[in-house]
C-alpha atoms as a PDB file:
ATOM      1  CA  MET A   1       0.340 -13.540  -0.547  1.00  0.00           C
ATOM      2  CA  LYS A   2      -1.825 -11.911   2.086  1.00  0.00           C
ATOM      3  CA  LEU A   3      -1.054  -8.263   2.831  1.00  0.00           C
ATOM      4  CA  ASN A   4      -2.318  -5.685   5.256  1.00  0.00           C
ATOM      5  CA  PHE A   5      -1.334  -2.055   4.832  1.00  0.00           C
ATOM      6  CA  LYS A   6      -3.044  -0.961   8.062  1.00  0.00           C
ATOM      7  CA  LYS A   7      -0.027   0.701   9.615  1.00  0.00           C
ATOM      8  CA  PRO A   8       1.430   4.188   9.881  1.00  0.00           C
ATOM      9  CA  PHE A   9       4.323   5.645   7.964  1.00  0.00           C
ATOM     10  CA  LEU A  10       7.557   6.268   9.855  1.00  0.00           C
ATOM     11  CA  ASP A  11       9.592   9.440   9.615  1.00  0.00           C
ATOM     12  CA  LEU A  12      13.368   9.608   9.212  1.00  0.00           C
ATOM     13  CA  ASP A  13      13.793   9.256  12.984  1.00  0.00           C
ATOM     14  CA  ASP A  14      11.878   5.947  12.833  1.00  0.00           C
ATOM     15  CA  LYS A  15       8.879   7.465  14.622  1.00  0.00           C
ATOM     16  CA  GLU A  16       5.264   7.154  13.561  1.00  0.00           C
ATOM     17  CA  ILE A  17       3.957  10.042  11.524  1.00  0.00           C
ATOM     18  CA  PRO A  18       0.773  11.090  13.341  1.00  0.00           C
ATOM     19  CA  ASP A  19      -2.488  10.283  11.579  1.00  0.00           C
ATOM     20  CA  SER A  20      -0.702   8.497   8.721  1.00  0.00           C
ATOM     21  CA  ASP A  21      -2.089   5.267   7.331  1.00  0.00           C
ATOM     22  CA  GLN A  22      -0.440   3.271   4.548  1.00  0.00           C
ATOM     23  CA  GLY A  23      -3.703   1.584   3.620  1.00  0.00           C
ATOM     24  CA  LYS A  24      -5.697   4.786   3.288  1.00  0.00           C
ATOM     25  CA  THR A  25      -2.916   6.482   1.331  1.00  0.00           C
ATOM     26  CA  LEU A  26      -2.728   3.529  -1.040  1.00  0.00           C
ATOM     27  CA  ALA A  27      -6.530   3.316  -1.305  1.00  0.00           C
ATOM     28  CA  GLN A  28      -6.726   6.950  -2.348  1.00  0.00           C
ATOM     29  CA  ALA A  29      -4.155   6.402  -5.104  1.00  0.00           C
ATOM     30  CA  LEU A  30      -5.808   3.187  -6.311  1.00  0.00           C
ATOM     31  CA  SER A  31      -9.267   4.726  -6.457  1.00  0.00           C
ATOM     32  CA  ALA A  32      -7.993   7.818  -8.308  1.00  0.00           C
ATOM     33  CA  SER A  33      -5.810   5.879 -10.738  1.00  0.00           C
ATOM     34  CA  LEU A  34      -6.106   6.320 -14.466  1.00  0.00           C
ATOM     35  CA  ASP A  35      -3.794   3.331 -14.939  1.00  0.00           C
ATOM     36  CA  PRO A  36      -6.004   0.216 -14.824  1.00  0.00           C
ATOM     37  CA  LYS A  37      -6.290  -1.686 -18.032  1.00  0.00           C
ATOM     38  CA  GLU A  38      -9.581  -3.172 -19.105  1.00  0.00           C
ATOM     39  CA  GLY A  39     -10.414  -5.958 -16.679  1.00  0.00           C
ATOM     40  CA  ASP A  40      -8.371  -4.445 -13.847  1.00  0.00           C
ATOM     41  CA  LEU A  41     -10.797  -1.676 -12.896  1.00  0.00           C
ATOM     42  CA  ILE A  42     -12.802  -3.836 -10.509  1.00  0.00           C
ATOM     43  CA  LYS A  43      -9.628  -5.320  -9.047  1.00  0.00           C
ATOM     44  CA  TYR A  44      -8.173  -1.852  -8.329  1.00  0.00           C
ATOM     45  CA  TRP A  45     -11.487  -0.769  -6.789  1.00  0.00           C
ATOM     46  CA  GLU A  46     -11.673  -3.865  -4.558  1.00  0.00           C
ATOM     47  CA  TRP A  47      -8.061  -3.362  -3.451  1.00  0.00           C
ATOM     48  CA  ALA A  48      -8.825   0.305  -2.683  1.00  0.00           C
ATOM     49  CA  LEU A  49     -11.858  -0.595  -0.585  1.00  0.00           C
ATOM     50  CA  LYS A  50      -9.982  -3.233   1.400  1.00  0.00           C
ATOM     51  CA  CYS A  51      -6.931  -1.034   1.954  1.00  0.00           C
ATOM     52  CA  HIS A  52      -9.130   1.847   3.085  1.00  0.00           C
ATOM     53  CA  LYS A  53     -10.946  -0.381   5.590  1.00  0.00           C
ATOM     54  CA  GLY A  54      -7.692  -1.862   6.908  1.00  0.00           C
ATOM     55  CA  GLN A  55      -8.548  -5.302   5.589  1.00  0.00           C
ATOM     56  CA  THR A  56      -6.171  -7.920   4.242  1.00  0.00           C
ATOM     57  CA  ILE A  57      -5.785  -8.258   0.499  1.00  0.00           C
ATOM     58  CA  ASP A  58      -4.706 -11.495  -1.146  1.00  0.00           C
ATOM     59  CA  LEU A  59      -2.450 -11.201  -4.190  1.00  0.00           C
ATOM     60  CA  ASP A  60      -1.210 -13.942  -6.492  1.00  0.00           C
ATOM     61  CA  LYS A  61       2.212 -13.574  -8.173  1.00  0.00           C
ATOM     62  CA  ALA A  62       0.819 -11.653 -11.157  1.00  0.00           C
ATOM     63  CA  ASP A  63      -1.087  -9.254  -8.900  1.00  0.00           C
ATOM     64  CA  GLN A  64       1.973  -8.763  -6.677  1.00  0.00           C
ATOM     65  CA  LYS A  65       3.910  -7.627  -9.741  1.00  0.00           C
ATOM     66  CA  LYS A  66       1.042  -5.362 -10.842  1.00  0.00           C
ATOM     67  CA  PHE A  67       0.749  -3.906  -7.334  1.00  0.00           C
ATOM     68  CA  ARG A  68       4.496  -3.203  -7.113  1.00  0.00           C
ATOM     69  CA  GLU A  69       4.480  -1.528 -10.545  1.00  0.00           C
ATOM     70  CA  PHE A  70       1.506   0.582  -9.512  1.00  0.00           C
ATOM     71  CA  ILE A  71       3.298   1.809  -6.368  1.00  0.00           C
ATOM     72  CA  GLU A  72       6.490   2.512  -8.297  1.00  0.00           C
ATOM     73  CA  LYS A  73       4.576   4.581 -10.891  1.00  0.00           C
ATOM     74  CA  THR A  74       2.720   6.760  -8.386  1.00  0.00           C
ATOM     75  CA  ASN A  75       3.823  10.310  -7.713  1.00  0.00           C
ATOM     76  CA  PHE A  76       4.383   9.512  -4.029  1.00  0.00           C
ATOM     77  CA  ASN A  77       7.639  10.683  -2.498  1.00  0.00           C
ATOM     78  CA  VAL A  78      10.402   8.216  -1.623  1.00  0.00           C
ATOM     79  CA  LEU A  79       9.405   8.017   2.062  1.00  0.00           C
ATOM     80  CA  VAL A  80       5.933   6.786   1.081  1.00  0.00           C
ATOM     81  CA  LYS A  81       6.903   4.575  -1.871  1.00  0.00           C
ATOM     82  CA  ALA A  82       9.710   2.840   0.022  1.00  0.00           C
ATOM     83  CA  GLN A  83       7.502   1.973   2.988  1.00  0.00           C
ATOM     84  CA  LEU A  84       4.677   0.711   0.766  1.00  0.00           C
ATOM     85  CA  ILE A  85       7.182  -1.488  -1.101  1.00  0.00           C
ATOM     86  CA  GLN A  86       8.577  -2.736   2.234  1.00  0.00           C
ATOM     87  CA  THR A  87       5.069  -3.651   3.344  1.00  0.00           C
ATOM     88  CA  LEU A  88       4.549  -5.470   0.059  1.00  0.00           C
ATOM     89  CA  ASP A  89       7.857  -7.311   0.491  1.00  0.00           C
ATOM     90  CA  ASP A  90       7.426  -8.219   4.165  1.00  0.00           C
ATOM     91  CA  GLY A  91       3.838  -9.368   3.816  1.00  0.00           C
ATOM     92  CA  GLY A  92       2.407  -6.568   5.902  1.00  0.00           C
ATOM     93  CA  GLU A  93       4.129  -7.573   9.124  1.00  0.00           C
ATOM     94  CA  PRO A  94       3.989  -5.019  11.935  1.00  0.00           C
ATOM     95  CA  ILE A  95       6.507  -2.201  11.706  1.00  0.00           C
ATOM     96  CA  LYS A  96       9.894  -3.086  13.079  1.00  0.00           C
ATOM     97  CA  GLY A  97      11.696  -0.351  14.889  1.00  0.00           C
ATOM     98  CA  GLY A  98      10.309   2.798  16.428  1.00  0.00           C
ATOM     99  CA  GLY A  99       6.738   3.493  16.198  1.00  0.00           C
ATOM    100  CA  LYS A 100       5.182   4.533  19.450  1.00  0.00           C
END
């Protein structure tokens, strides 16, 4: 599955939160993570770099599960976690609804 997290977060009124970026938020968490098991360190780092640059990441089924678990375990608030999970589930399609 190809994913792109290069999109803003939306507030409760379905409007873009200024200067927000799902990819950069996720990249920061991935690069600061203490979670990766041996063998996953490089994978987390590569995902962080791609997310930060707004590039597409390609995840197989096992990595999709790992990615979802990572997001669910972060200390992000519900607004952030839910939208990251939605992006994961919808394949990174453009935001539906408000926005600009």
